[in-house]
C-alpha atoms as a PDB file:
ATOM      1  CA  UNK A   1      29.832 -36.298  42.442  1.00  0.00           C
ATOM      2  CA  UNK A   2      28.585 -32.747  42.708  1.00  0.00           C
ATOM      3  CA  UNK A   3      31.184 -31.635  40.143  1.00  0.00           C
ATOM      4  CA  UNK A   4      30.081 -34.371  37.745  1.00  0.00           C
ATOM      5  CA  UNK A   5      26.449 -33.172  37.916  1.00  0.00           C
ATOM      6  CA  UNK A   6      27.555 -29.593  37.198  1.00  0.00           C
ATOM      7  CA  UNK A   7      29.683 -30.736  34.243  1.00  0.00           C
ATOM      8  CA  UNK A   8      26.758 -32.744  32.821  1.00  0.00           C
ATOM      9  CA  UNK A   9      24.375 -29.772  33.208  1.00  0.00           C
ATOM     10  CA  UNK A  10      26.868 -27.429  31.513  1.00  0.00           C
ATOM     11  CA  UNK A  11      27.448 -29.961  28.721  1.00  0.00           C
ATOM     12  CA  UNK A  12      23.690 -30.343  28.161  1.00  0.00           C
ATOM     13  CA  UNK A  13      23.316 -26.569  28.116  1.00  0.00           C
ATOM     14  CA  UNK A  14      26.072 -26.196  25.547  1.00  0.00           C
ATOM     15  CA  UNK A  15      24.692 -29.058  23.462  1.00  0.00           C
ATOM     16  CA  UNK A  16      21.217 -27.524  23.408  1.00  0.00           C
ATOM     17  CA  UNK A  17      22.737 -24.208  22.276  1.00  0.00           C
ATOM     18  CA  UNK A  18      24.266 -25.962  19.283  1.00  0.00           C
ATOM     19  CA  UNK A  19      20.928 -26.193  17.491  1.00  0.00           C
ATOM     20  CA  UNK A  20      21.165 -24.377  14.208  1.00  0.00           C
ATOM     21  CA  UNK A  21      19.154 -21.283  13.571  1.00  0.00           C
ATOM     22  CA  UNK A  22      17.635 -21.132  10.113  1.00  0.00           C
ATOM     23  CA  UNK A  23      17.495 -17.594   8.709  1.00  0.00           C
ATOM     24  CA  UNK A  24      16.354 -16.335   5.302  1.00  0.00           C
ATOM     25  CA  UNK A  25      15.352 -13.041   3.792  1.00  0.00           C
ATOM     26  CA  UNK A  26      12.885 -11.718   1.238  1.00  0.00           C
ATOM     27  CA  UNK A  27      13.002  -8.625  -0.920  1.00  0.00           C
ATOM     28  CA  UNK A  28       9.800  -6.908   0.216  1.00  0.00           C
ATOM     29  CA  UNK A  29       9.916  -4.460  -2.690  1.00  0.00           C
ATOM     30  CA  UNK A  30       9.988  -7.347  -5.179  1.00  0.00           C
ATOM     31  CA  UNK A  31       7.149  -9.127  -3.376  1.00  0.00           C
ATOM     32  CA  UNK A  32       4.978  -5.999  -3.417  1.00  0.00           C
ATOM     33  CA  UNK A  33       5.774  -5.346  -7.076  1.00  0.00           C
ATOM     34  CA  UNK A  34       5.122  -8.871  -8.378  1.00  0.00           C
ATOM     35  CA  UNK A  35       2.335 -10.114  -6.090  1.00  0.00           C
ATOM     36  CA  UNK A  36      -0.964 -10.671  -7.888  1.00  0.00           C
ATOM     37  CA  UNK A  37      -2.839  -9.147  -4.967  1.00  0.00           C
ATOM     38  CA  UNK A  38      -0.843  -5.922  -5.296  1.00  0.00           C
ATOM     39  CA  UNK A  39      -1.490  -5.728  -9.023  1.00  0.00           C
ATOM     40  CA  UNK A  40      -5.206  -6.311  -8.565  1.00  0.00           C
ATOM     41  CA  UNK A  41      -5.403  -3.776  -5.743  1.00  0.00           C
ATOM     42  CA  UNK A  42      -3.576  -1.198  -7.877  1.00  0.00           C
ATOM     43  CA  UNK A  43      -5.983  -1.822 -10.775  1.00  0.00           C
ATOM     44  CA  UNK A  44      -8.994  -1.438  -8.466  1.00  0.00           C
ATOM     45  CA  UNK A  45      -7.561   1.745  -6.983  1.00  0.00           C
ATOM     46  CA  UNK A  46      -6.931   3.144 -10.474  1.00  0.00           C
ATOM     47  CA  UNK A  47     -10.542   2.482 -11.509  1.00  0.00           C
ATOM     48  CA  UNK A  48     -11.787   4.164  -8.338  1.00  0.00           C
ATOM     49  CA  UNK A  49      -9.400   7.097  -8.759  1.00  0.00           C
ATOM     50  CA  UNK A  50     -10.325   7.528 -12.433  1.00  0.00           C
ATOM     51  CA  UNK A  51     -14.018   7.521 -11.533  1.00  0.00           C
ATOM     52  CA  UNK A  52     -13.521  10.214  -8.908  1.00  0.00           C
ATOM     53  CA  UNK A  53     -11.326  12.225 -11.306  1.00  0.00           C
ATOM     54  CA  UNK A  54     -14.040  12.023 -13.972  1.00  0.00           C
ATOM     55  CA  UNK A  55     -16.587  13.281 -11.433  1.00  0.00           C
ATOM     56  CA  UNK A  56     -14.332  16.192 -10.545  1.00  0.00           C
ATOM     57  CA  UNK A  57     -13.574  16.930 -14.212  1.00  0.00           C
ATOM     58  CA  UNK A  58     -17.324  17.034 -14.886  1.00  0.00           C
ATOM     59  CA  UNK A  59     -17.885  19.512 -12.057  1.00  0.00           C
ATOM     60  CA  UNK A  60     -15.046  21.714 -13.305  1.00  0.00           C
ATOM     61  CA  UNK A  61     -16.223  21.602 -16.925  1.00  0.00           C
ATOM     62  CA  UNK A  62     -19.756  22.514 -15.839  1.00  0.00           C
ATOM     63  CA  UNK A  63     -18.430  25.433 -13.770  1.00  0.00           C
ATOM     64  CA  UNK A  64     -16.241  26.616 -16.648  1.00  0.00           C
ATOM     65  CA  UNK A  65     -19.259  26.598 -18.988  1.00  0.00           C
ATOM     66  CA  UNK A  66     -21.251  28.661 -16.492  1.00  0.00           C
ATOM     67  CA  UNK A  67     -18.354  31.110 -16.148  1.00  0.00           C
ATOM     68  CA  UNK A  68     -18.072  31.391 -19.939  1.00  0.00           C
ATOM     69  CA  UNK A  69     -21.798  32.036 -20.324  1.00  0.00           C
ATOM     70  CA  UNK A  70     -21.569  34.654 -17.581  1.00  0.00           C
ATOM     71  CA  UNK A  71     -18.604  36.398 -19.244  1.00  0.00           C
ATOM     72  CA  UNK A  72     -20.370  36.441 -22.594  1.00  0.00           C
ATOM     73  CA  UNK A  73     -23.547  37.942 -21.147  1.00  0.00           C
ATOM     74  CA  UNK A  74     -22.288  40.081 -18.299  1.00  0.00           C
ATOM     75  CA  UNK A  75     -22.481  43.360 -20.270  1.00  0.00           C
ATOM     76  CA  UNK A  76     -26.224  42.867 -20.667  1.00  0.00           C
ATOM     77  CA  UNK A  77     -26.744  42.262 -16.940  1.00  0.00           C
ATOM     78  CA  UNK A  78     -27.513  44.780 -14.268  1.00  0.00           C
ATOM     79  CA  UNK A  79     -24.914  45.378 -11.553  1.00  0.00           C
ATOM     80  CA  UNK A  80     -27.080  43.443  -9.083  1.00  0.00           C
ATOM     81  CA  UNK A  81     -27.465  40.481 -11.441  1.00  0.00           C
ATOM     82  CA  UNK A  82     -23.705  40.447 -12.134  1.00  0.00           C
ATOM     83  CA  UNK A  83     -22.899  40.502  -8.406  1.00  0.00           C
ATOM     84  CA  UNK A  84     -25.346  37.653  -7.724  1.00  0.00           C
ATOM     85  CA  UNK A  85     -23.963  35.572 -10.590  1.00  0.00           C
ATOM     86  CA  UNK A  86     -20.357  36.200  -9.507  1.00  0.00           C
ATOM     87  CA  UNK A  87     -21.255  35.231  -5.939  1.00  0.00           C
ATOM     88  CA  UNK A  88     -22.920  32.035  -7.168  1.00  0.00           C
ATOM     89  CA  UNK A  89     -19.893  31.172  -9.336  1.00  0.00           C
ATOM     90  CA  UNK A  90     -17.503  31.781  -6.443  1.00  0.00           C
ATOM     91  CA  UNK A  91     -19.572  29.594  -4.120  1.00  0.00           C
ATOM     92  CA  UNK A  92     -19.687  26.820  -6.704  1.00  0.00           C
ATOM     93  CA  UNK A  93     -15.923  27.091  -7.193  1.00  0.00           C
ATOM     94  CA  UNK A  94     -15.427  26.766  -3.421  1.00  0.00           C
ATOM     95  CA  UNK A  95     -17.668  23.690  -3.381  1.00  0.00           C
ATOM     96  CA  UNK A  96     -15.614  22.170  -6.202  1.00  0.00           C
ATOM     97  CA  UNK A  97     -12.399  22.885  -4.282  1.00  0.00           C
ATOM     98  CA  UNK A  98     -13.871  21.266  -1.164  1.00  0.00           C
ATOM     99  CA  UNK A  99     -14.983  18.237  -3.185  1.00  0.00           C
ATOM    100  CA  UNK A 100     -11.489  17.991  -4.666  1.00  0.00           C
ATOM    101  CA  UNK A 101      -9.966  17.946  -1.170  1.00  0.00           C
ATOM    102  CA  UNK A 102     -12.430  15.270  -0.053  1.00  0.00           C
ATOM    103  CA  UNK A 103     -11.604  13.163  -3.117  1.00  0.00           C
ATOM    104  CA  UNK A 104      -7.850  13.497  -2.538  1.00  0.00           C
ATOM    105  CA  UNK A 105      -8.287  12.521   1.098  1.00  0.00           C
ATOM    106  CA  UNK A 106     -10.521   9.590   0.135  1.00  0.00           C
ATOM    107  CA  UNK A 107      -8.002   8.280  -2.424  1.00  0.00           C
ATOM    108  CA  UNK A 108      -5.159   8.677   0.078  1.00  0.00           C
ATOM    109  CA  UNK A 109      -7.105   6.882   2.825  1.00  0.00           C
ATOM    110  CA  UNK A 110      -8.118   4.042   0.505  1.00  0.00           C
ATOM    111  CA  UNK A 111      -4.520   3.695  -0.666  1.00  0.00           C
ATOM    112  CA  UNK A 112      -3.226   3.560   2.903  1.00  0.00           C
ATOM    113  CA  UNK A 113      -5.852   0.995   3.916  1.00  0.00           C
ATOM    114  CA  UNK A 114      -5.056  -1.132   0.860  1.00  0.00           C
ATOM    115  CA  UNK A 115      -1.330  -0.991   1.596  1.00  0.00           C
ATOM    116  CA  UNK A 116      -1.910  -1.991   5.223  1.00  0.00           C
ATOM    117  CA  UNK A 117      -4.174  -4.838   4.138  1.00  0.00           C
ATOM    118  CA  UNK A 118      -1.616  -6.100   1.599  1.00  0.00           C
ATOM    119  CA  UNK A 119       1.199  -5.861   4.144  1.00  0.00           C
ATOM    120  CA  UNK A 120      -0.810  -7.850   6.690  1.00  0.00           C
ATOM    121  CA  UNK A 121      -1.719 -10.453   4.074  1.00  0.00           C
ATOM    122  CA  UNK A 122       1.921 -10.844   3.002  1.00  0.00           C
ATOM    123  CA  UNK A 123       3.234 -10.895   6.589  1.00  0.00           C
ATOM    124  CA  UNK A 124       0.679 -13.548   7.559  1.00  0.00           C
ATOM    125  CA  UNK A 125       1.673 -15.621   4.529  1.00  0.00           C
ATOM    126  CA  UNK A 126       5.412 -15.289   5.250  1.00  0.00           C
ATOM    127  CA  UNK A 127       4.810 -16.359   8.854  1.00  0.00           C
ATOM    128  CA  UNK A 128       2.970 -19.484   7.716  1.00  0.00           C
ATOM    129  CA  UNK A 129       5.575 -20.115   5.014  1.00  0.00           C
ATOM    130  CA  UNK A 130       8.468 -19.754   7.474  1.00  0.00           C
ATOM    131  CA  UNK A 131       6.854 -22.059  10.013  1.00  0.00           C
ATOM    132  CA  UNK A 132       6.230 -24.651   7.288  1.00  0.00           C
ATOM    133  CA  UNK A 133       9.813 -24.482   6.021  1.00  0.00           C
ATOM    134  CA  UNK A 134      11.368 -24.461   9.489  1.00  0.00           C
ATOM    135  CA  UNK A 135      12.806 -20.938   9.439  1.00  0.00           C
ATOM    136  CA  UNK A 136      13.480 -19.303  12.774  1.00  0.00           C
ATOM    137  CA  UNK A 137      13.738 -15.861  11.179  1.00  0.00           C
ATOM    138  CA  UNK A 138      12.755 -14.338   7.848  1.00  0.00           C
ATOM    139  CA  UNK A 139      14.188 -10.876   7.408  1.00  0.00           C
ATOM    140  CA  UNK A 140      12.747  -8.292   5.064  1.00  0.00           C
ATOM    141  CA  UNK A 141      14.865  -6.127   2.796  1.00  0.00           C
ATOM    142  CA  UNK A 142      14.084  -3.607   0.082  1.00  0.00           C
ATOM    143  CA  UNK A 143      16.412  -3.313  -2.886  1.00  0.00           C
ATOM    144  CA  UNK A 144      19.699  -1.636  -2.091  1.00  0.00           C
ATOM    145  CA  UNK A 145      18.358   0.218   0.972  1.00  0.00           C
ATOM    146  CA  UNK A 146      17.414  -2.823   2.995  1.00  0.00           C
ATOM    147  CA  UNK A 147      18.156  -3.906   6.508  1.00  0.00           C
ATOM    148  CA  UNK A 148      20.010  -7.015   5.345  1.00  0.00           C
ATOM    149  CA  UNK A 149      23.512  -5.761   4.658  1.00  0.00           C
ATOM    150  CA  UNK A 150      24.611  -9.118   3.293  1.00  0.00           C
ATOM    151  CA  UNK A 151      22.911 -12.398   2.669  1.00  0.00           C
ATOM    152  CA  UNK A 152      24.000 -15.508   0.866  1.00  0.00           C
ATOM    153  CA  UNK A 153      22.079 -15.975  -2.346  1.00  0.00           C
ATOM    154  CA  UNK A 154      20.796 -19.338  -1.096  1.00  0.00           C
ATOM    155  CA  UNK A 155      19.209 -17.543   1.886  1.00  0.00           C
ATOM    156  CA  UNK A 156      17.102 -15.360  -0.465  1.00  0.00           C
ATOM    157  CA  UNK A 157      13.680 -16.997  -0.537  1.00  0.00           C
ATOM    158  CA  UNK A 158      11.940 -14.108  -2.330  1.00  0.00           C
ATOM    159  CA  UNK A 159      11.215 -16.035  -5.526  1.00  0.00           C
ATOM    160  CA  UNK A 160       9.827 -19.088  -3.725  1.00  0.00           C
ATOM    161  CA  UNK A 161       7.713 -16.952  -1.376  1.00  0.00           C
ATOM    162  CA  UNK A 162       6.386 -15.003  -4.361  1.00  0.00           C
ATOM    163  CA  UNK A 163       5.493 -18.161  -6.286  1.00  0.00           C
ATOM    164  CA  UNK A 164       3.746 -19.678  -3.268  1.00  0.00           C
ATOM    165  CA  UNK A 165       2.043 -16.386  -2.383  1.00  0.00           C
ATOM    166  CA  UNK A 166       0.696 -15.993  -5.908  1.00  0.00           C
ATOM    167  CA  UNK A 167      -0.468 -19.630  -5.926  1.00  0.00           C
ATOM    168  CA  UNK A 168      -2.368 -19.010  -2.701  1.00  0.00           C
ATOM    169  CA  UNK A 169      -3.898 -15.751  -3.958  1.00  0.00           C
ATOM    170  CA  UNK A 170      -7.609 -15.859  -4.466  1.00  0.00           C
ATOM    171  CA  UNK A 171      -8.907 -13.193  -6.787  1.00  0.00           C
ATOM    172  CA  UNK A 172     -11.391 -10.807  -5.203  1.00  0.00           C
ATOM    173  CA  UNK A 173     -13.663 -11.026  -8.216  1.00  0.00           C
END
């Protein structure tokens, strides 16, 4: 009797292990490239970057004009006036360089935050998608350098995820 109970328990354990595991993968690079949210974020970042570049270009052009005026009139200036003007131009150039560093840091930070936000949005969507479709695992791969060494074509759900992700996208306008 005791042996029969053990055999039944082992059989139930083996039977429960026979449940199939449903695995799929997505090409993360393709998702990021074709997702409407990525495209909109890139466009917004470009507008912001172009605006900051225009600001910087204006500062540089203004400084260059001042330097040109100084060079054209420096022979007529006293040594003291020349030294003061050169000092002022150097200080302004340093301020422009500092502003340029701040702008580069700002663009980099905004880009990083946008990328993190997009990644979270996509990961949250894939989680919901996988749960809805009954997947136990959804692996991410990127082009030829991915972590999925081989996957059957039918296990690639990139296109369906992308279609559904884009359908669910709500423009930030």
